[in-house]
Amino acid sequence: MTEPGSAGALVRLSAIEKSFGAVRALRGVDLDIRPGECLGLAGHNGAGKSTLMQVLVGNVVPDTGTLTLSGEDQTGRYGVSRARALGVRCVFQELSLCPNLTVAENTRVRHGTLRGFGWRRRASALIRDKLDEIFPGHGIGPQELLSDLALGQRQMVEIATVFAGDDPTPRLVILDEPTSSLDGSAASQLLAYVRGFVAKGGSVILISHILGEILSTCDRIAVMSDGRVVDVRPASGFDRYSLVESMGHVVAHEDEAAVEARARSAAPVVARVSSPRGGGALEARRGEIIGLAGLAGHGQTALLVLLQNASFRGSRFAKVEGRTAFVAGDRQTDGVFPLWSIGQNVTIRSLRGLTRLGLIDPARERAMEADWQRRIAIRTPDMGNNILTLSGGNQQKALFARALGSDAEIILMDDPMRGVDIGTKQEVYAQVRTEAEKGRTFIWYTTEFDELKSCDQIYVLRTGRIVDELPRADLTEARILSASFKEEAA
């Protein structure tokens, strides 16, 4: 779908097709990216967005079609090195940095000109300056090990290394779910930087399932569905509902989708935890949805891990009454088993209930796999395929299926909606509410304010301590931000 007026396009993709075995990931994609614009790319999980971006950065060679950059046909000679030489860079949804290296060393890996005597000092200065420019107040040191950083901080480093340097100067930067691990403050900083980068003549492709980000940041929006570009308009030509409609989903109006606030029940407490750093204590009752809020990296994940560990071996800081399941947000590190099939990743938590005469019953395993593929719409032709054949969002669906299909009475969720499309989010929200009504308890850390509206009780964490507690009826973004920053503002 090539638009009129695209003669000055920086990049033009024409009739791009790509298949992986029986799966047709791209089905004749036409798309232009112009200098000095932010192009939003929207679509459901598995629509082909990430595959198309892999073509743009040279990681994937299309089966057919042409790629033109600055008017020069690159077909047949385009790859990773040429893409970089032409100024095309990408922040992938699955982070690509080396966890065993420091921030400065990761910068050196990405920038080949940082060599020779004093490279470490130059790398430290380069990444520090770019982090300061994009994320003021980031608190990340160049000599820190990447593995010691919170997921959101790792995301900041990845973004900064991509925008940093002039070897060559980035002309087109692809941001694939760049705010998925960032809190609201850091996300706002990044989007403001993107607008500044575009104003200076750079080009950005922004992929995000947070529709407000696309609508407020992008100049044009292209919508993909089932491997095709099905709609391209100026961002002003969309609103939230028409954008979702173009993606092929039906979205409930916020007033209709809002969940009525309810008084805190008198059901028994099934989990209680206090931070080792002090502050208040969290209590979760049977059938409640508990939200954890606050700036990313302030102890929310550690609190969930403390609860998970306490369910197995106890803790003086936490008490858990019931079986638990954990839905990881950092799926590559803490979630998927990369050598296993999709089905095995789904059933691993439930094997005890899938036995017959003391042995695992393959028929029961297949039945559970098929049931959850249907219920949560995992997009694959075969649940026997490797888990890594799925898009990031579909991998996350498999982790939800693993937890929801288990016998766990308490589900711990660590910012699990990263890279999940709006349609799937609505389905998961509905399932969480349904399961809570049946008596399951959910403790849910999220960096998205709108997701807190699904919670009955919200706890705000700052520097590892619980600093505020409020029911849904009192939930406002101002109160969350006030509790998150109060100490710093004092």
Protein backbone atom coordinates (compact mmCIF):
# COMPACT_ATOMS: atom_id res chain seq x y z
CA MET A 1 0.00 0.00 0.00
CA THR A 2 2.22 2.79 -1.31
CA GLU A 3 0.78 6.23 -0.68
CA PRO A 4 0.69 9.21 -2.99
CA GLY A 5 3.30 11.79 -2.09
CA SER A 6 5.86 9.19 -1.02
CA ALA A 7 8.43 10.03 -3.71
CA GLY A 8 10.82 11.39 -1.07
CA ALA A 9 10.69 8.24 1.05
CA LEU A 10 13.80 7.28 2.99
CA VAL A 11 12.83 3.60 2.80
CA ARG A 12 10.38 1.92 0.44
CA LEU A 13 9.31 -1.70 0.89
CA SER A 14 7.47 -3.17 -2.10
CA ALA A 15 5.67 -6.54 -2.28
CA ILE A 16 7.71 -8.02 0.56
CA GLU A 17 6.90 -11.67 1.24
CA LYS A 18 8.39 -14.06 3.79
CA SER A 19 7.41 -17.57 4.88
CA PHE A 20 8.78 -19.76 7.65
CA GLY A 21 7.80 -23.25 6.65
CA ALA A 22 4.01 -23.34 6.40
CA VAL A 23 3.64 -19.98 8.16
CA ARG A 24 3.31 -16.96 5.83
CA ALA A 25 4.62 -14.15 8.02
CA LEU A 26 4.54 -11.43 5.34
CA ARG A 27 2.12 -11.42 2.41
CA GLY A 28 3.10 -8.70 -0.05
CA VAL A 29 3.85 -5.74 2.23
CA ASP A 30 4.08 -2.24 0.70
CA LEU A 31 5.26 0.50 3.06
CA ASP A 32 7.16 3.80 2.92
CA ILE A 33 9.09 5.52 5.71
CA ARG A 34 9.80 9.22 5.20
CA PRO A 35 12.57 11.47 6.53
CA GLY A 36 11.60 13.54 9.55
CA GLU A 37 8.60 11.45 10.59
CA CYS A 38 7.60 9.01 13.28
CA LEU A 39 5.65 6.15 11.72
CA GLY A 40 3.54 4.08 14.08
CA LEU A 41 3.16 0.37 13.33
CA ALA A 42 0.16 -1.30 14.97
CA GLY A 43 -1.36 -4.76 14.80
CA HIS A 44 -2.16 -7.84 16.81
CA ASN A 45 0.50 -10.32 17.95
CA GLY A 46 1.62 -12.37 14.97
CA ALA A 47 0.52 -9.72 12.45
CA GLY A 48 4.04 -9.62 10.99
CA LYS A 49 5.38 -6.41 12.53
CA SER A 50 8.55 -7.86 14.04
CA THR A 51 9.32 -9.95 10.94
CA LEU A 52 9.02 -6.84 8.76
CA MET A 53 11.41 -5.00 11.06
CA GLN A 54 13.86 -7.91 10.87
CA VAL A 55 13.81 -7.44 7.09
CA LEU A 56 14.52 -3.72 7.51
CA VAL A 57 17.58 -4.32 9.71
CA GLY A 58 18.92 -7.09 7.48
CA ASN A 59 18.42 -10.05 9.81
CA VAL A 60 15.83 -11.67 7.53
CA VAL A 61 16.04 -11.94 3.74
CA PRO A 62 12.58 -11.71 2.13
CA ASP A 63 11.50 -14.44 -0.28
CA THR A 64 10.31 -11.86 -2.81
CA GLY A 65 9.95 -8.07 -3.04
CA THR A 66 12.24 -5.05 -3.15
CA LEU A 67 13.76 -2.76 -0.53
CA THR A 68 14.86 0.73 -1.58
CA LEU A 69 16.80 3.06 0.72
CA SER A 70 17.40 6.71 -0.27
CA GLY A 71 16.32 5.85 -3.80
CA GLU A 72 18.86 3.01 -4.20
CA ASP A 73 17.60 -0.55 -4.68
CA GLN A 74 19.17 -2.76 -1.99
CA THR A 75 17.59 -6.04 -3.11
CA GLY A 76 20.04 -8.94 -3.13
CA ARG A 77 22.83 -7.13 -1.26
CA TYR A 78 21.15 -6.00 1.92
CA GLY A 79 22.18 -7.41 5.27
CA VAL A 80 22.99 -6.41 8.85
CA SER A 81 26.29 -4.68 8.04
CA ARG A 82 24.84 -2.71 5.12
CA ALA A 83 21.77 -1.71 7.14
CA ARG A 84 23.99 -0.34 9.88
CA ALA A 85 26.26 1.42 7.40
CA LEU A 86 23.18 3.14 5.98
CA GLY A 87 22.08 4.31 9.44
CA VAL A 88 19.31 1.78 10.18
CA ARG A 89 19.17 0.72 13.83
CA CYS A 90 16.71 -1.18 15.98
CA VAL A 91 15.71 -1.63 19.60
CA PHE A 92 14.25 -5.12 19.57
CA GLN A 93 11.41 -6.24 21.81
CA GLU A 94 13.65 -8.99 23.20
CA LEU A 95 16.70 -7.17 24.57
CA SER A 96 19.96 -7.95 22.75
CA LEU A 97 22.57 -6.83 25.29
CA CYS A 98 25.03 -9.15 27.07
CA PRO A 99 24.06 -9.57 30.75
CA ASN A 100 27.59 -10.62 31.78
CA LEU A 101 29.12 -7.34 30.54
CA THR A 102 29.03 -3.85 32.02
CA VAL A 103 27.02 -1.02 30.52
CA ALA A 104 30.19 0.48 28.99
CA GLU A 105 31.30 -2.90 27.60
CA ASN A 106 27.90 -3.41 25.98
CA THR A 107 28.30 0.03 24.38
CA ARG A 108 31.67 -1.08 22.99
CA VAL A 109 30.08 -4.22 21.49
CA ARG A 110 27.54 -2.10 19.59
CA HIS A 111 29.97 0.62 18.47
CA GLY A 112 32.97 -0.74 16.58
CA THR A 113 34.79 2.60 16.54
CA LEU A 114 35.34 2.36 20.31
CA ARG A 115 38.69 0.61 20.10
CA GLY A 116 42.29 1.19 21.07
CA PHE A 117 43.76 2.84 24.16
CA GLY A 118 41.15 4.56 26.34
CA TRP A 119 38.11 2.93 24.70
CA ARG A 120 36.55 2.18 28.10
CA ARG A 121 36.64 5.85 29.12
CA ARG A 122 35.17 6.91 25.76
CA ALA A 123 32.46 4.25 25.92
CA SER A 124 31.53 5.32 29.45
CA ALA A 125 31.27 8.95 28.41
CA LEU A 126 29.23 8.10 25.30
CA ILE A 127 26.62 6.01 27.10
CA ARG A 128 26.46 8.29 30.14
CA ASP A 129 25.82 11.36 27.98
CA LYS A 130 23.12 9.64 25.92
CA LEU A 131 21.38 8.22 29.02
CA ASP A 132 21.44 11.70 30.57
CA GLU A 133 19.95 13.15 27.37
CA ILE A 134 17.12 10.63 27.00
CA PHE A 135 16.44 9.62 30.61
CA PRO A 136 17.43 12.39 33.05
CA GLY A 137 17.83 10.99 36.57
CA HIS A 138 18.30 7.41 35.30
CA GLY A 139 20.75 6.43 38.08
CA ILE A 140 22.70 3.95 35.89
CA GLY A 141 26.50 3.78 36.15
CA PRO A 142 28.61 2.82 33.09
CA GLN A 143 30.57 0.26 35.12
CA GLU A 144 27.51 -1.58 36.45
CA LEU A 145 26.95 -5.14 35.26
CA LEU A 146 23.90 -5.36 33.05
CA SER A 147 22.64 -8.39 34.99
CA ASP A 148 22.54 -6.26 38.16
CA LEU A 149 20.13 -3.76 36.59
CA ALA A 150 16.34 -3.94 36.75
CA LEU A 151 14.59 -4.84 33.49
CA GLY A 152 13.50 -1.24 32.91
CA GLN A 153 17.07 0.01 33.36
CA ARG A 154 18.33 -2.59 30.88
CA GLN A 155 15.73 -1.29 28.42
CA MET A 156 17.06 2.26 28.95
CA VAL A 157 20.63 1.11 28.23
CA GLU A 158 19.53 -0.70 25.06
CA ILE A 159 17.72 2.40 23.79
CA ALA A 160 20.63 4.70 24.63
CA THR A 161 23.20 2.49 22.87
CA VAL A 162 21.08 2.52 19.71
CA PHE A 163 20.71 6.31 19.59
CA ALA A 164 24.31 6.98 20.67
CA GLY A 165 27.29 7.62 18.41
CA ASP A 166 27.82 8.73 14.84
CA ASP A 167 29.35 5.63 13.25
CA PRO A 168 27.29 6.43 11.19
CA THR A 169 24.66 8.79 12.57
CA PRO A 170 21.35 6.91 12.92
CA ARG A 171 18.91 7.87 10.16
CA LEU A 172 16.13 5.36 10.86
CA VAL A 173 15.59 3.95 14.36
CA ILE A 174 13.09 1.14 14.87
CA LEU A 175 11.62 0.98 18.37
CA ASP A 176 9.87 -2.36 18.93
CA GLU A 177 7.82 -2.05 22.14
CA PRO A 178 10.44 0.31 23.66
CA THR A 179 8.35 1.31 26.69
CA SER A 180 7.18 -2.19 27.60
CA SER A 181 9.53 -2.31 30.61
CA LEU A 182 9.52 1.41 31.44
CA ASP A 183 7.39 3.19 34.01
CA GLY A 184 5.27 6.16 32.96
CA SER A 185 7.94 8.74 33.75
CA ALA A 186 10.70 7.05 31.73
CA ALA A 187 8.29 6.33 28.87
CA SER A 188 7.36 10.01 28.66
CA GLN A 189 11.05 10.96 28.58
CA LEU A 190 11.69 8.58 25.70
CA LEU A 191 8.71 9.72 23.63
CA ALA A 192 9.74 13.36 24.08
CA TYR A 193 13.23 12.46 22.85
CA VAL A 194 11.73 10.67 19.83
CA ARG A 195 9.84 13.82 18.84
CA GLY A 196 13.06 15.83 19.13
CA PHE A 197 14.97 13.28 17.02
CA VAL A 198 12.28 13.44 14.32
CA ALA A 199 12.22 17.25 14.40
CA LYS A 200 15.93 17.20 13.49
CA GLY A 201 15.23 15.09 10.39
CA GLY A 202 15.57 11.56 11.75
CA SER A 203 13.01 8.82 11.11
CA VAL A 204 11.49 6.50 13.70
CA ILE A 205 9.25 3.46 13.43
CA LEU A 206 7.39 3.03 16.71
CA ILE A 207 5.75 -0.31 17.47
CA SER A 208 3.63 -0.26 20.61
CA HIS A 209 0.53 -1.93 21.98
CA ILE A 210 -0.04 1.14 24.16
CA LEU A 211 -2.34 2.94 21.76
CA GLY A 212 -2.05 6.33 23.46
CA GLU A 213 1.69 6.36 22.75
CA ILE A 214 1.18 5.78 19.03
CA LEU A 215 -1.66 8.28 18.72
CA SER A 216 0.19 11.06 20.58
CA THR A 217 3.71 10.51 19.21
CA CYS A 218 3.40 9.41 15.57
CA ASP A 219 2.84 11.43 12.39
CA ARG A 220 1.38 8.50 10.45
CA ILE A 221 0.16 5.07 11.52
CA ALA A 222 0.30 1.86 9.48
CA VAL A 223 -1.83 -1.08 10.60
CA MET A 224 -0.82 -4.67 9.92
CA SER A 225 -3.02 -7.75 10.03
CA ASP A 226 -2.09 -11.31 9.04
CA GLY A 227 1.12 -10.31 7.30
CA ARG A 228 -0.31 -7.38 5.32
CA VAL A 229 -0.48 -3.61 5.70
CA VAL A 230 -4.23 -3.03 5.75
CA ASP A 231 -4.46 0.68 6.56
CA VAL A 232 -2.16 3.74 6.48
CA ARG A 233 -3.35 7.18 7.61
CA PRO A 234 -2.11 10.32 9.32
CA ALA A 235 -2.26 9.77 13.07
CA SER A 236 -4.91 12.50 13.25
CA GLY A 237 -7.14 10.25 11.15
CA PHE A 238 -7.35 7.66 13.93
CA ASP A 239 -8.74 7.57 17.42
CA ARG A 240 -8.39 4.70 19.85
CA TYR A 241 -11.52 2.92 18.64
CA SER A 242 -10.94 3.27 14.90
CA LEU A 243 -7.32 2.11 15.37
CA VAL A 244 -8.40 -1.02 17.22
CA GLU A 245 -11.10 -1.62 14.62
CA SER A 246 -8.48 -1.45 11.85
CA MET A 247 -6.40 -4.01 13.72
CA GLY A 248 -9.32 -6.43 13.59
CA HIS A 249 -10.29 -6.32 17.26
CA VAL A 250 -13.44 -5.15 18.96
CA VAL A 251 -12.67 -2.83 21.86
CA ALA A 252 -15.06 -2.10 24.66
CA HIS A 253 -15.73 1.53 25.47
CA GLU A 254 -13.90 2.54 28.64
CA ASP A 255 -17.19 3.25 30.43
CA GLU A 256 -18.50 -0.18 29.50
CA ALA A 257 -15.21 -1.91 30.28
CA ALA A 258 -14.74 -0.26 33.66
CA VAL A 259 -15.01 -2.63 36.57
CA GLU A 260 -17.17 -1.50 39.44
CA ALA A 261 -15.20 -0.84 42.60
CA ARG A 262 -16.16 -3.15 45.41
CA ALA A 263 -15.67 -3.01 49.13
CA ARG A 264 -12.83 -5.09 50.50
CA SER A 265 -14.18 -8.52 51.27
CA ALA A 266 -14.03 -10.36 54.56
CA ALA A 267 -12.53 -13.41 52.86
CA PRO A 268 -9.54 -15.00 54.56
CA VAL A 269 -6.07 -13.54 53.99
CA VAL A 270 -4.09 -15.92 51.78
CA ALA A 271 -0.87 -13.91 51.45
CA ARG A 272 0.83 -11.37 53.65
CA VAL A 273 4.21 -9.80 52.97
CA SER A 274 6.31 -6.95 54.31
CA SER A 275 9.46 -5.62 52.71
CA PRO A 276 12.77 -6.38 54.44
CA ARG A 277 13.45 -2.63 54.02
CA GLY A 278 10.48 -1.67 56.16
CA GLY A 279 7.36 0.30 55.30
CA GLY A 280 3.83 -1.04 55.26
CA ALA A 281 2.62 -4.59 54.71
CA LEU A 282 0.60 -6.10 51.88
CA GLU A 283 -2.39 -8.33 52.52
CA ALA A 284 -4.17 -10.30 49.81
CA ARG A 285 -7.50 -11.99 50.46
CA ARG A 286 -9.03 -14.89 48.62
CA GLY A 287 -10.59 -13.71 45.35
CA GLU A 288 -8.86 -10.32 45.33
CA ILE A 289 -6.82 -8.72 42.55
CA ILE A 290 -3.97 -6.83 44.19
CA GLY A 291 -2.00 -4.26 42.18
CA LEU A 292 1.61 -3.24 42.73
CA ALA A 293 2.49 0.25 41.45
CA GLY A 294 5.34 2.74 41.58
CA LEU A 295 8.38 3.52 39.47
CA ALA A 296 10.01 0.54 37.76
CA GLY A 297 12.81 -1.10 39.69
CA HIS A 298 11.59 -0.07 43.14
CA GLY A 299 11.11 -3.56 44.57
CA GLN A 300 7.89 -4.80 42.99
CA THR A 301 9.49 -7.82 41.34
CA ALA A 302 11.49 -8.60 44.49
CA LEU A 303 8.24 -8.61 46.50
CA LEU A 304 6.68 -11.12 44.10
CA VAL A 305 9.79 -13.32 44.23
CA LEU A 306 9.69 -13.15 48.04
CA LEU A 307 6.10 -14.42 47.98
CA GLN A 308 6.94 -17.17 45.50
CA ASN A 309 9.87 -18.38 47.59
CA ALA A 310 7.82 -18.18 50.80
CA SER A 311 5.21 -20.52 49.33
CA PHE A 312 7.88 -23.24 49.10
CA ARG A 313 10.15 -22.74 52.08
CA GLY A 314 8.61 -20.02 54.23
CA SER A 315 9.98 -16.61 55.17
CA ARG A 316 9.94 -14.36 58.20
CA PHE A 317 8.80 -11.55 55.89
CA ALA A 318 5.99 -13.38 54.09
CA LYS A 319 3.26 -15.93 54.71
CA VAL A 320 1.42 -17.67 51.87
CA GLU A 321 -1.60 -19.96 52.27
CA GLY A 322 -1.95 -21.88 49.03
CA ARG A 323 -0.16 -22.95 45.88
CA THR A 324 1.35 -20.25 43.67
CA ALA A 325 2.18 -19.77 39.99
CA PHE A 326 4.42 -17.04 38.59
CA VAL A 327 3.92 -15.19 35.29
CA ALA A 328 7.24 -13.57 34.39
CA GLY A 329 7.45 -10.31 32.49
CA ASP A 330 11.05 -10.95 31.39
CA ARG A 331 10.02 -14.06 29.50
CA GLN A 332 13.40 -14.78 27.90
CA THR A 333 15.25 -14.86 31.22
CA ASP A 334 12.60 -16.08 33.66
CA GLY A 335 9.69 -17.42 31.61
CA VAL A 336 10.07 -19.71 28.61
CA PHE A 337 12.02 -22.94 28.32
CA PRO A 338 13.69 -22.14 24.97
CA LEU A 339 14.49 -25.74 23.96
CA TRP A 340 10.94 -26.99 24.54
CA SER A 341 7.81 -26.93 22.46
CA ILE A 342 4.95 -24.47 22.95
CA GLY A 343 2.83 -27.24 24.44
CA GLN A 344 5.52 -28.33 26.88
CA ASN A 345 5.91 -24.74 28.05
CA VAL A 346 2.17 -24.61 28.75
CA THR A 347 1.80 -27.96 30.56
CA ILE A 348 4.99 -28.01 32.68
CA ARG A 349 3.25 -26.50 35.74
CA SER A 350 0.41 -29.05 35.55
CA LEU A 351 2.18 -32.38 34.97
CA ARG A 352 1.11 -33.79 38.34
CA GLY A 353 -2.51 -33.62 37.21
CA LEU A 354 -1.79 -35.10 33.78
CA THR A 355 -0.61 -38.53 34.94
CA ARG A 356 -2.13 -41.94 34.55
CA LEU A 357 -0.87 -44.89 36.59
CA GLY A 358 2.04 -42.76 37.73
CA LEU A 359 3.14 -41.76 34.21
CA ILE A 360 2.45 -38.61 32.19
CA ASP A 361 -0.46 -39.26 29.86
CA PRO A 362 0.37 -37.79 26.40
CA ALA A 363 -3.33 -37.65 25.45
CA ARG A 364 -4.11 -35.48 28.49
CA GLU A 365 -1.12 -33.28 27.70
CA ARG A 366 -2.30 -32.74 24.12
CA ALA A 367 -5.84 -32.03 25.32
CA MET A 368 -4.60 -29.34 27.72
CA GLU A 369 -2.40 -27.80 25.01
CA ALA A 370 -5.30 -27.66 22.55
CA ASP A 371 -7.69 -26.27 25.16
CA TRP A 372 -5.39 -23.38 26.09
CA GLN A 373 -4.39 -22.68 22.51
CA ARG A 374 -8.08 -22.10 21.84
CA ARG A 375 -8.89 -20.24 25.07
CA ILE A 376 -6.04 -17.74 24.87
CA ALA A 377 -5.66 -17.74 21.05
CA ILE A 378 -2.00 -18.77 20.73
CA ARG A 379 -1.22 -18.16 17.06
CA THR A 380 0.57 -21.28 15.81
CA PRO A 381 -0.28 -24.10 13.40
CA ASP A 382 1.21 -26.68 15.77
CA MET A 383 1.67 -26.61 19.55
CA GLY A 384 4.56 -29.03 18.99
CA ASN A 385 6.62 -26.24 17.44
CA ASN A 386 9.45 -24.72 19.46
CA ILE A 387 8.35 -21.89 21.77
CA LEU A 388 10.76 -19.47 20.04
CA THR A 389 8.81 -19.79 16.77
CA LEU A 390 6.15 -17.61 18.39
CA SER A 391 6.10 -13.83 18.42
CA GLY A 392 6.92 -12.22 21.78
CA GLY A 393 3.28 -11.58 22.59
CA ASN A 394 2.30 -15.15 21.81
CA GLN A 395 5.12 -16.44 24.01
CA GLN A 396 3.59 -14.36 26.79
CA LYS A 397 0.20 -15.96 26.11
CA ALA A 398 1.81 -19.37 26.65
CA LEU A 399 3.09 -18.21 30.07
CA PHE A 400 -0.43 -17.06 30.99
CA ALA A 401 -1.80 -20.41 29.89
CA ARG A 402 0.79 -22.19 32.05
CA ALA A 403 -0.31 -20.28 35.17
CA LEU A 404 -4.07 -20.14 34.57
CA GLY A 405 -4.21 -23.81 33.57
CA SER A 406 -2.43 -24.90 36.76
CA ASP A 407 -3.84 -25.75 40.18
CA ALA A 408 -2.38 -22.56 41.70
CA GLU A 409 -4.66 -20.64 44.05
CA ILE A 410 -2.46 -17.51 43.98
CA ILE A 411 -1.14 -16.10 40.68
CA LEU A 412 1.85 -13.75 40.88
CA MET A 413 2.19 -11.55 37.78
CA ASP A 414 5.37 -9.54 37.11
CA ASP A 415 4.35 -6.86 34.57
CA PRO A 416 3.12 -9.66 32.30
CA MET A 417 1.47 -7.60 29.53
CA ARG A 418 4.76 -6.60 27.89
CA GLY A 419 4.33 -6.82 24.11
CA VAL A 420 0.76 -8.09 24.31
CA ASP A 421 -1.79 -6.59 21.92
CA ILE A 422 -4.98 -4.83 23.00
CA GLY A 423 -7.26 -7.70 22.02
CA THR A 424 -5.32 -10.24 24.05
CA LYS A 425 -5.11 -7.84 26.98
CA GLN A 426 -8.90 -7.56 27.06
CA GLU A 427 -9.21 -11.36 26.96
CA VAL A 428 -6.68 -11.78 29.77
CA TYR A 429 -8.31 -9.05 31.90
CA ALA A 430 -11.65 -10.84 31.54
CA GLN A 431 -10.09 -14.19 32.47
CA VAL A 432 -8.39 -12.69 35.51
CA ARG A 433 -11.69 -11.19 36.72
CA THR A 434 -13.53 -14.47 36.09
CA GLU A 435 -10.92 -16.48 37.98
CA ALA A 436 -10.95 -13.98 40.85
CA GLU A 437 -14.72 -14.35 41.14
CA LYS A 438 -14.14 -18.12 41.48
CA GLY A 439 -11.80 -17.46 44.44
CA ARG A 440 -8.37 -17.20 42.86
CA THR A 441 -6.09 -14.43 44.13
CA PHE A 442 -3.93 -12.33 41.83
CA ILE A 443 -0.99 -10.13 42.84
CA TRP A 444 -0.15 -8.06 39.80
CA TYR A 445 2.75 -5.68 39.22
CA THR A 446 2.15 -3.42 36.22
CA THR A 447 3.82 -0.36 34.72
CA GLU A 448 0.56 0.57 32.92
CA PHE A 449 -1.73 2.81 34.95
CA ASP A 450 -4.86 1.62 33.13
CA GLU A 451 -4.22 -1.94 34.31
CA LEU A 452 -4.42 -0.82 37.93
CA LYS A 453 -8.09 -0.05 37.29
CA SER A 454 -8.69 -3.81 37.19
CA CYS A 455 -7.30 -4.23 40.72
CA ASP A 456 -9.29 -4.19 43.97
CA GLN A 457 -6.47 -2.86 46.14
CA ILE A 458 -3.28 -1.09 45.07
CA TYR A 459 0.03 -0.83 46.92
CA VAL A 460 2.68 1.70 45.85
CA LEU A 461 6.36 0.84 46.33
CA ARG A 462 9.30 3.21 46.54
CA THR A 463 12.92 2.19 47.21
CA GLY A 464 11.73 -1.30 48.13
CA ARG A 465 9.17 -0.16 50.72
CA ILE A 466 5.38 -0.07 50.60
CA VAL A 467 4.63 3.63 50.96
CA ASP A 468 0.92 3.84 50.10
CA GLU A 469 -2.18 1.65 49.96
CA LEU A 470 -5.45 2.57 48.32
CA PRO A 471 -8.64 0.90 47.11
CA ARG A 472 -9.62 1.16 43.46
CA ALA A 473 -12.23 3.80 44.30
CA ASP A 474 -9.42 6.18 45.38
CA LEU A 475 -7.11 5.38 42.45
CA THR A 476 -5.78 8.38 40.55
CA GLU A 477 -2.63 8.80 38.52
CA ALA A 478 -1.75 11.87 40.59
CA ARG A 479 -1.83 9.87 43.81
CA ILE A 480 0.35 7.10 42.37
CA LEU A 481 2.89 9.63 41.11
CA SER A 482 2.83 11.56 44.37
CA ALA A 483 3.59 8.44 46.39
CA SER A 484 6.28 7.40 43.91
CA PHE A 485 8.17 10.70 44.04
CA LYS A 486 7.36 12.07 47.50
CA GLU A 487 10.71 11.23 49.02
CA GLU A 488 12.67 12.63 46.07
CA ALA A 489 10.65 15.86 46.13
CA ALA A 490 11.12 16.36 49.85
